[in-house]
Amino acid sequence: MADGMFGLSKELERETAPVWAKVKDHVTPMEWPAQAALIHEINQLKRERDAVILAHNYMTPEIFHGVGDYVGDSLGLAKEAARSDAKVIVQAGVHFMAETSKILSPDKTVLIPDLRAGCSLAASITGADVRLIKQRYPGLPVVTYVNTTADVKAETDICCTSANAVQVVEWAAKEWGVDRVILIPDEFLARNVAAQTTVGIIAWKGRCEVHERFTADDIRDMREAYPGAQILAHPECPEEVLSAADFAGSTAAMTDWVTSKKPRQVVLITECSMASNIKGDVPGVDFIGPCNMCPHMKRITLQNIRDCLLNMQFEVTVPEDMIERARLAVQRMVDLPPPAIPARYDLIKARHHVAVELI
């Protein structure tokens, strides 16, 4: 068959043209033939293995747009996988996400392309830590960010995401009849939630290595260099970063904001690939740095996704008793009515500024 663009066969060019249209600002013509061939092979393997690929927002664009069957944040991906009839789930993300998929889909085979894909935030706390916290604060509900291991979720009363953390905290306080809630492990998420509610927050000193490095100086520098740009920040960033931003919210809230408002220039204060992936859907928006790269997310590549499916390797398992206890915490969150809109963290219009109790 005659060669098409970049030396691809006409068939492969037609098959991957929609993906190329979304990734061409981030993938060079020199790289594309190899990536297009891998995308084709992976999509074939998915059909053969009866598999779906969950691609997190922080995956690189060729993964996100090329092979992801479901894309989005970690909990949304796990929920979609549970609804799917596929027998195999490949987690294009980090290990705690694969565990969450296994918790919600215990009868499915869950694979991760690289077992070393961890998370600094998830690694900051263990189930044993949570048991000690509950001993210190008896009777208080434990709300745990979904960015945690199955071991931690199993010791938890209810999970939350950055999109519903305020809602979950307020529900837990009302359900338990208390005025304080333990919110772990992300310190900055806890501090930013505290400014949006009258419920007292007890927090843990866990941090995301991507988001904790951003500073208010970064925001000031960007405003000086790009005075017309809109600046959006993730709530895992320090409070002073959110206070200096134009908008702060979960990955879903940031995506909704950009796709609905379509600003001329925008800065996303989060992981680098987030901007690259949204840009594929809003080509008229100019995305400007800075961003920080997650080294754990970047362990996932087209090559090791292909190898994972080809060899059915790197299965993620969770003990049955742990699955049962962890599923209760996740299911309680899933059963709550979703917020009308993904949470935003407006610290300028915050209800109040309050210090959290740090364990």
Protein backbone atom coordinates (compact mmCIF):
# COMPACT_ATOMS: atom_id res chain seq x y z
CA MET A 1 0.00 0.00 0.00
CA ALA A 2 1.34 3.44 -0.90
CA ASP A 3 2.83 5.51 1.88
CA GLY A 4 0.85 8.41 3.31
CA MET A 5 1.91 11.30 5.52
CA PHE A 6 5.14 10.72 7.51
CA GLY A 7 5.64 7.41 5.68
CA LEU A 8 2.58 5.81 7.30
CA SER A 9 0.46 3.41 5.27
CA LYS A 10 -2.73 5.00 3.99
CA GLU A 11 -4.74 2.74 6.31
CA LEU A 12 -2.73 3.69 9.39
CA GLU A 13 -2.80 7.36 8.42
CA ARG A 14 -6.62 7.27 8.20
CA GLU A 15 -6.94 5.38 11.48
CA THR A 16 -4.72 7.73 13.49
CA ALA A 17 -5.55 11.05 11.77
CA PRO A 18 -8.02 12.14 14.53
CA VAL A 19 -5.35 11.48 17.16
CA TRP A 20 -2.66 13.34 15.21
CA ALA A 21 -4.95 16.37 14.97
CA LYS A 22 -5.04 16.54 18.79
CA VAL A 23 -1.38 15.75 19.55
CA LYS A 24 0.46 17.51 16.71
CA ASP A 25 1.45 20.44 18.93
CA HIS A 26 3.16 18.04 21.34
CA VAL A 27 4.50 15.22 19.15
CA THR A 28 7.06 15.80 16.40
CA PRO A 29 6.64 14.35 12.88
CA MET A 30 9.79 12.33 13.57
CA GLU A 31 8.17 10.65 16.60
CA TRP A 32 4.72 10.14 15.14
CA PRO A 33 5.21 7.07 12.88
CA ALA A 34 6.42 4.94 15.83
CA GLN A 35 3.67 6.27 18.09
CA ALA A 36 0.97 5.76 15.47
CA ALA A 37 2.09 2.13 15.02
CA LEU A 38 1.95 1.56 18.78
CA ILE A 39 -1.49 3.15 19.04
CA HIS A 40 -2.73 0.83 16.29
CA GLU A 41 -1.22 -2.24 17.97
CA ILE A 42 -2.57 -1.31 21.42
CA ASN A 43 -6.09 -0.78 20.10
CA GLN A 44 -5.92 -4.20 18.42
CA LEU A 45 -4.70 -5.82 21.63
CA LYS A 46 -7.56 -4.25 23.58
CA ARG A 47 -10.07 -6.00 21.36
CA GLU A 48 -8.22 -9.31 21.60
CA ARG A 49 -7.89 -9.15 25.40
CA ASP A 50 -11.35 -7.68 26.05
CA ALA A 51 -9.62 -4.77 27.78
CA VAL A 52 -10.20 -1.09 28.44
CA ILE A 53 -7.56 1.52 29.16
CA LEU A 54 -8.13 4.16 31.83
CA ALA A 55 -6.08 7.25 30.96
CA HIS A 56 -5.65 9.81 33.71
CA ASN A 57 -5.57 13.54 32.98
CA TYR A 58 -1.83 13.55 33.62
CA MET A 59 -0.99 11.02 30.90
CA THR A 60 0.89 12.33 27.86
CA PRO A 61 -1.33 13.35 24.90
CA GLU A 62 -0.57 10.34 22.68
CA ILE A 63 -1.82 8.06 25.50
CA PHE A 64 -4.71 10.28 26.57
CA HIS A 65 -6.09 10.83 23.05
CA GLY A 66 -4.68 7.75 21.32
CA VAL A 67 -5.57 4.72 23.45
CA GLY A 68 -7.63 5.90 26.44
CA ASP A 69 -11.13 4.42 26.45
CA TYR A 70 -12.03 6.48 29.50
CA VAL A 71 -10.20 9.67 30.42
CA GLY A 72 -10.43 11.90 33.46
CA ASP A 73 -9.63 11.92 37.17
CA SER A 74 -8.83 8.82 39.19
CA LEU A 75 -12.25 8.19 40.70
CA GLY A 76 -14.13 8.89 37.48
CA LEU A 77 -11.93 6.36 35.71
CA ALA A 78 -12.54 3.66 38.32
CA LYS A 79 -16.31 4.25 38.18
CA GLU A 80 -16.31 3.94 34.39
CA ALA A 81 -14.29 0.74 34.60
CA ALA A 82 -16.80 -0.74 37.04
CA ARG A 83 -19.60 0.01 34.55
CA SER A 84 -17.69 -1.55 31.65
CA ASP A 85 -18.26 -5.14 30.56
CA ALA A 86 -14.54 -5.55 29.75
CA LYS A 87 -12.70 -8.32 31.60
CA VAL A 88 -9.36 -6.48 31.80
CA ILE A 89 -8.57 -2.97 33.04
CA VAL A 90 -5.26 -1.33 32.18
CA GLN A 91 -4.55 1.64 34.46
CA ALA A 92 -2.67 4.35 32.61
CA GLY A 93 -1.94 6.17 35.83
CA VAL A 94 -0.34 5.37 39.18
CA HIS A 95 -0.61 2.44 41.55
CA PHE A 96 -3.25 3.76 43.98
CA MET A 97 -5.55 4.34 40.99
CA ALA A 98 -5.16 0.71 39.92
CA GLU A 99 -5.99 -0.37 43.48
CA THR A 100 -9.13 1.79 43.43
CA SER A 101 -10.17 0.14 40.17
CA LYS A 102 -9.66 -3.27 41.78
CA ILE A 103 -11.70 -2.22 44.83
CA LEU A 104 -14.64 -1.26 42.60
CA SER A 105 -14.12 -4.13 40.13
CA PRO A 106 -12.83 -7.06 42.22
CA ASP A 107 -13.77 -9.67 39.60
CA LYS A 108 -11.78 -7.99 36.83
CA THR A 109 -8.09 -8.31 36.05
CA VAL A 110 -6.38 -4.97 36.73
CA LEU A 111 -2.99 -4.31 35.15
CA ILE A 112 -0.58 -1.39 35.42
CA PRO A 113 2.16 -0.91 32.79
CA ASP A 114 4.85 -0.11 35.39
CA LEU A 115 4.62 -1.28 39.00
CA ARG A 116 7.00 1.52 40.03
CA ALA A 117 4.43 4.22 39.16
CA GLY A 118 3.79 5.44 42.69
CA CYS A 119 2.68 8.71 44.31
CA SER A 120 4.36 10.90 46.91
CA LEU A 121 1.01 11.78 48.46
CA ALA A 122 -0.23 8.19 48.69
CA ALA A 123 3.14 7.16 50.15
CA SER A 124 2.89 9.78 52.92
CA ILE A 125 0.49 7.74 55.08
CA THR A 126 -0.29 4.12 55.93
CA GLY A 127 -3.21 2.20 57.36
CA ALA A 128 -1.31 1.91 60.64
CA ASP A 129 -1.04 5.73 60.75
CA VAL A 130 -4.81 6.02 60.31
CA ARG A 131 -5.45 3.56 63.14
CA LEU A 132 -3.31 5.70 65.46
CA ILE A 133 -5.12 8.85 64.34
CA LYS A 134 -8.48 7.25 65.19
CA GLN A 135 -7.18 6.33 68.64
CA ARG A 136 -6.13 9.94 69.20
CA TYR A 137 -9.45 11.38 67.98
CA PRO A 138 -12.11 8.80 68.90
CA GLY A 139 -15.57 9.38 67.50
CA LEU A 140 -14.48 11.70 64.67
CA PRO A 141 -15.08 10.57 61.09
CA VAL A 142 -12.09 10.00 58.83
CA VAL A 143 -12.41 11.49 55.34
CA THR A 144 -9.66 10.26 53.06
CA TYR A 145 -8.63 11.69 49.73
CA VAL A 146 -8.97 9.11 46.96
CA ASN A 147 -5.22 9.57 46.27
CA THR A 148 -4.37 6.92 48.86
CA THR A 149 -3.57 3.21 49.01
CA ALA A 150 -6.18 0.49 49.55
CA ASP A 151 -4.61 -0.08 52.98
CA VAL A 152 -5.52 3.49 53.97
CA LYS A 153 -8.97 3.41 52.38
CA ALA A 154 -9.74 0.27 54.41
CA GLU A 155 -9.33 2.31 57.64
CA THR A 156 -11.48 5.17 56.35
CA ASP A 157 -15.09 6.17 56.88
CA ILE A 158 -15.59 7.88 53.52
CA CYS A 159 -13.39 8.93 50.59
CA CYS A 160 -13.42 12.23 48.72
CA THR A 161 -11.94 13.84 45.63
CA SER A 162 -10.83 17.43 45.16
CA ALA A 163 -14.13 17.98 43.32
CA ASN A 164 -16.34 17.00 46.27
CA ALA A 165 -14.14 17.36 49.37
CA VAL A 166 -16.17 20.22 50.89
CA GLN A 167 -19.41 18.35 50.29
CA VAL A 168 -18.06 15.12 51.82
CA VAL A 169 -16.61 16.88 54.87
CA GLU A 170 -19.92 18.60 55.59
CA TRP A 171 -21.87 15.35 55.05
CA ALA A 172 -19.56 13.44 57.42
CA ALA A 173 -19.84 16.08 60.15
CA LYS A 174 -23.64 16.01 59.92
CA GLU A 175 -23.84 12.21 59.72
CA TRP A 176 -21.59 11.72 62.77
CA GLY A 177 -23.08 14.68 64.66
CA VAL A 178 -19.72 16.40 65.20
CA ASP A 179 -18.16 19.77 64.44
CA ARG A 180 -14.71 18.46 63.46
CA VAL A 181 -13.61 16.03 60.76
CA ILE A 182 -10.28 14.33 60.04
CA LEU A 183 -9.30 15.03 56.41
CA ILE A 184 -6.19 13.17 55.22
CA PRO A 185 -3.55 13.01 53.80
CA ASP A 186 -3.12 16.18 51.69
CA GLU A 187 -2.28 19.12 53.94
CA PHE A 188 -2.95 21.79 51.33
CA LEU A 189 -6.27 20.31 50.19
CA ALA A 190 -7.31 20.23 53.86
CA ARG A 191 -6.31 23.86 54.41
CA ASN A 192 -8.13 24.95 51.26
CA VAL A 193 -11.25 22.99 52.24
CA ALA A 194 -11.15 24.58 55.71
CA ALA A 195 -11.58 28.02 54.13
CA GLN A 196 -14.80 26.89 52.45
CA THR A 197 -16.64 25.39 55.44
CA THR A 198 -17.40 26.00 59.10
CA VAL A 199 -16.52 22.37 59.92
CA GLY A 200 -13.24 22.10 61.82
CA ILE A 201 -10.48 20.25 59.97
CA ILE A 202 -7.79 17.99 61.43
CA ALA A 203 -5.12 17.37 58.77
CA TRP A 204 -2.05 15.28 58.00
CA LYS A 205 1.20 16.66 56.55
CA GLY A 206 1.07 14.85 53.24
CA ARG A 207 1.82 16.67 50.02
CA CYS A 208 1.86 16.12 46.28
CA GLU A 209 5.41 16.68 45.01
CA VAL A 210 4.04 18.24 41.82
CA HIS A 211 1.75 20.83 43.42
CA GLU A 212 3.67 21.71 46.57
CA ARG A 213 6.50 23.27 44.50
CA PHE A 214 4.33 26.06 43.10
CA THR A 215 4.61 29.43 44.84
CA ALA A 216 2.86 32.79 44.83
CA ASP A 217 6.00 34.17 43.15
CA ASP A 218 5.30 31.88 40.20
CA ILE A 219 1.88 33.50 39.84
CA ARG A 220 3.30 37.03 40.08
CA ASP A 221 5.95 36.24 37.47
CA MET A 222 3.32 34.89 35.09
CA ARG A 223 1.12 37.96 35.53
CA GLU A 224 4.03 40.25 34.73
CA ALA A 225 5.01 38.25 31.65
CA TYR A 226 1.44 37.57 30.42
CA PRO A 227 -0.86 40.25 31.89
CA GLY A 228 -3.94 39.01 30.01
CA ALA A 229 -3.65 35.35 30.91
CA GLN A 230 -6.15 33.62 33.19
CA ILE A 231 -4.46 31.58 35.93
CA LEU A 232 -6.07 28.38 37.27
CA ALA A 233 -4.71 26.38 40.23
CA HIS A 234 -5.34 22.94 41.70
CA PRO A 235 -6.34 22.73 45.42
CA GLU A 236 -3.32 20.53 46.20
CA CYS A 237 -1.28 23.75 45.86
CA PRO A 238 -0.44 25.96 48.88
CA GLU A 239 -3.09 28.46 49.97
CA GLU A 240 -1.09 31.47 48.79
CA VAL A 241 -1.08 30.03 45.27
CA LEU A 242 -4.85 29.63 45.24
CA SER A 243 -5.30 33.14 46.67
CA ALA A 244 -3.22 34.59 43.84
CA ALA A 245 -4.98 32.62 41.07
CA ASP A 246 -8.06 33.69 39.08
CA PHE A 247 -9.74 30.34 39.62
CA ALA A 248 -9.00 27.27 41.72
CA GLY A 249 -10.63 23.89 41.41
CA SER A 250 -10.30 20.20 40.73
CA THR A 251 -9.01 18.87 37.43
CA ALA A 252 -12.64 18.48 36.33
CA ALA A 253 -13.46 22.06 37.36
CA MET A 254 -10.41 23.43 35.54
CA THR A 255 -11.30 21.48 32.41
CA ASP A 256 -14.91 22.71 32.53
CA TRP A 257 -13.75 26.30 33.06
CA VAL A 258 -11.37 26.29 30.08
CA THR A 259 -13.69 24.47 27.68
CA SER A 260 -16.66 26.69 28.52
CA LYS A 261 -14.91 30.08 28.72
CA LYS A 262 -12.20 29.45 26.09
CA PRO A 263 -9.89 32.28 27.26
CA ARG A 264 -7.29 33.61 24.84
CA GLN A 265 -4.44 32.67 27.18
CA VAL A 266 -4.50 30.40 30.22
CA VAL A 267 -2.01 29.08 32.78
CA LEU A 268 -2.78 25.79 34.53
CA ILE A 269 -0.96 25.48 37.85
CA THR A 270 -0.83 21.69 37.90
CA GLU A 271 0.86 18.74 36.15
CA CYS A 272 2.22 19.49 32.65
CA SER A 273 0.17 17.02 30.62
CA MET A 274 -3.13 18.45 31.85
CA ALA A 275 -2.71 21.51 29.62
CA SER A 276 -1.51 19.41 26.68
CA ASN A 277 -4.58 17.19 26.86
CA ILE A 278 -7.14 19.98 27.20
CA LYS A 279 -5.52 21.84 24.31
CA GLY A 280 -6.46 18.97 22.01
CA ASP A 281 -10.13 19.87 22.60
CA VAL A 282 -9.81 23.69 22.59
CA PRO A 283 -7.25 24.42 19.85
CA GLY A 284 -7.88 28.19 19.91
CA VAL A 285 -6.68 28.57 23.51
CA ASP A 286 -3.03 29.43 24.13
CA PHE A 287 -1.70 27.44 27.11
CA ILE A 288 1.30 28.97 28.85
CA GLY A 289 3.65 27.46 31.48
CA PRO A 290 4.72 27.02 34.21
CA CYS A 291 3.93 23.44 35.04
CA ASN A 292 5.58 20.67 37.02
CA MET A 293 5.94 17.13 35.71
CA CYS A 294 4.96 14.07 37.74
CA PRO A 295 7.82 11.57 37.39
CA HIS A 296 5.53 8.72 38.47
CA MET A 297 2.88 9.38 35.83
CA LYS A 298 5.59 9.64 33.20
CA ARG A 299 6.63 6.04 33.86
CA ILE A 300 3.60 5.06 31.77
CA THR A 301 4.35 5.01 28.04
CA LEU A 302 2.78 3.64 24.87
CA GLN A 303 5.54 1.04 24.80
CA ASN A 304 4.88 -0.38 28.24
CA ILE A 305 1.11 -0.21 27.75
CA ARG A 306 1.62 -2.38 24.66
CA ASP A 307 3.89 -4.78 26.59
CA CYS A 308 1.43 -4.91 29.48
CA LEU A 309 -1.40 -6.03 27.20
CA LEU A 310 0.74 -8.28 25.04
CA ASN A 311 2.11 -10.23 28.01
CA MET A 312 -0.78 -9.65 30.44
CA GLN A 313 1.80 -8.54 32.99
CA PHE A 314 1.94 -6.52 36.21
CA GLU A 315 -1.38 -7.42 37.75
CA VAL A 316 -2.52 -5.32 40.72
CA THR A 317 -4.21 -7.26 43.51
CA VAL A 318 -5.75 -6.27 46.84
CA PRO A 319 -6.55 -8.74 49.68
CA GLU A 320 -10.24 -9.65 49.77
CA ASP A 321 -10.81 -8.45 53.34
CA MET A 322 -9.16 -5.13 52.50
CA ILE A 323 -11.30 -4.76 49.37
CA GLU A 324 -14.49 -5.17 51.40
CA ARG A 325 -13.51 -2.52 53.97
CA ALA A 326 -12.11 -0.08 51.41
CA ARG A 327 -15.12 -0.44 49.13
CA LEU A 328 -17.41 0.79 51.91
CA ALA A 329 -15.51 4.09 52.10
CA VAL A 330 -15.45 4.53 48.33
CA GLN A 331 -19.10 3.48 47.91
CA ARG A 332 -20.28 5.96 50.54
CA MET A 333 -18.75 8.72 48.44
CA VAL A 334 -20.12 7.32 45.18
CA ASP A 335 -23.61 7.14 46.71
CA LEU A 336 -23.64 10.84 47.62
CA PRO A 337 -25.42 13.03 45.06
CA PRO A 338 -22.69 14.58 42.90
CA PRO A 339 -22.12 18.30 43.39
CA ALA A 340 -24.07 20.44 40.95
CA ILE A 341 -20.74 21.71 39.65
CA PRO A 342 -17.21 20.48 40.46
CA ALA A 343 -15.91 22.25 43.54
CA ARG A 344 -14.04 25.50 43.20
CA TYR A 345 -11.84 26.92 45.90
CA ASP A 346 -12.25 30.67 45.85
CA LEU A 347 -10.02 31.86 48.68
CA ILE A 348 -10.75 35.51 47.93
CA LYS A 349 -14.44 34.88 48.64
CA ALA A 350 -13.80 32.23 51.26
CA ARG A 351 -16.23 31.97 54.17
CA HIS A 352 -13.38 32.55 56.54
CA HIS A 353 -9.68 31.89 56.96
CA VAL A 354 -9.03 29.35 59.65
CA ALA A 355 -6.02 27.34 60.76
CA VAL A 356 -6.37 23.58 60.62
CA GLU A 357 -5.09 21.28 63.37
CA LEU A 358 -2.09 19.48 61.89
CA ILE A 359 -1.36 16.01 63.24
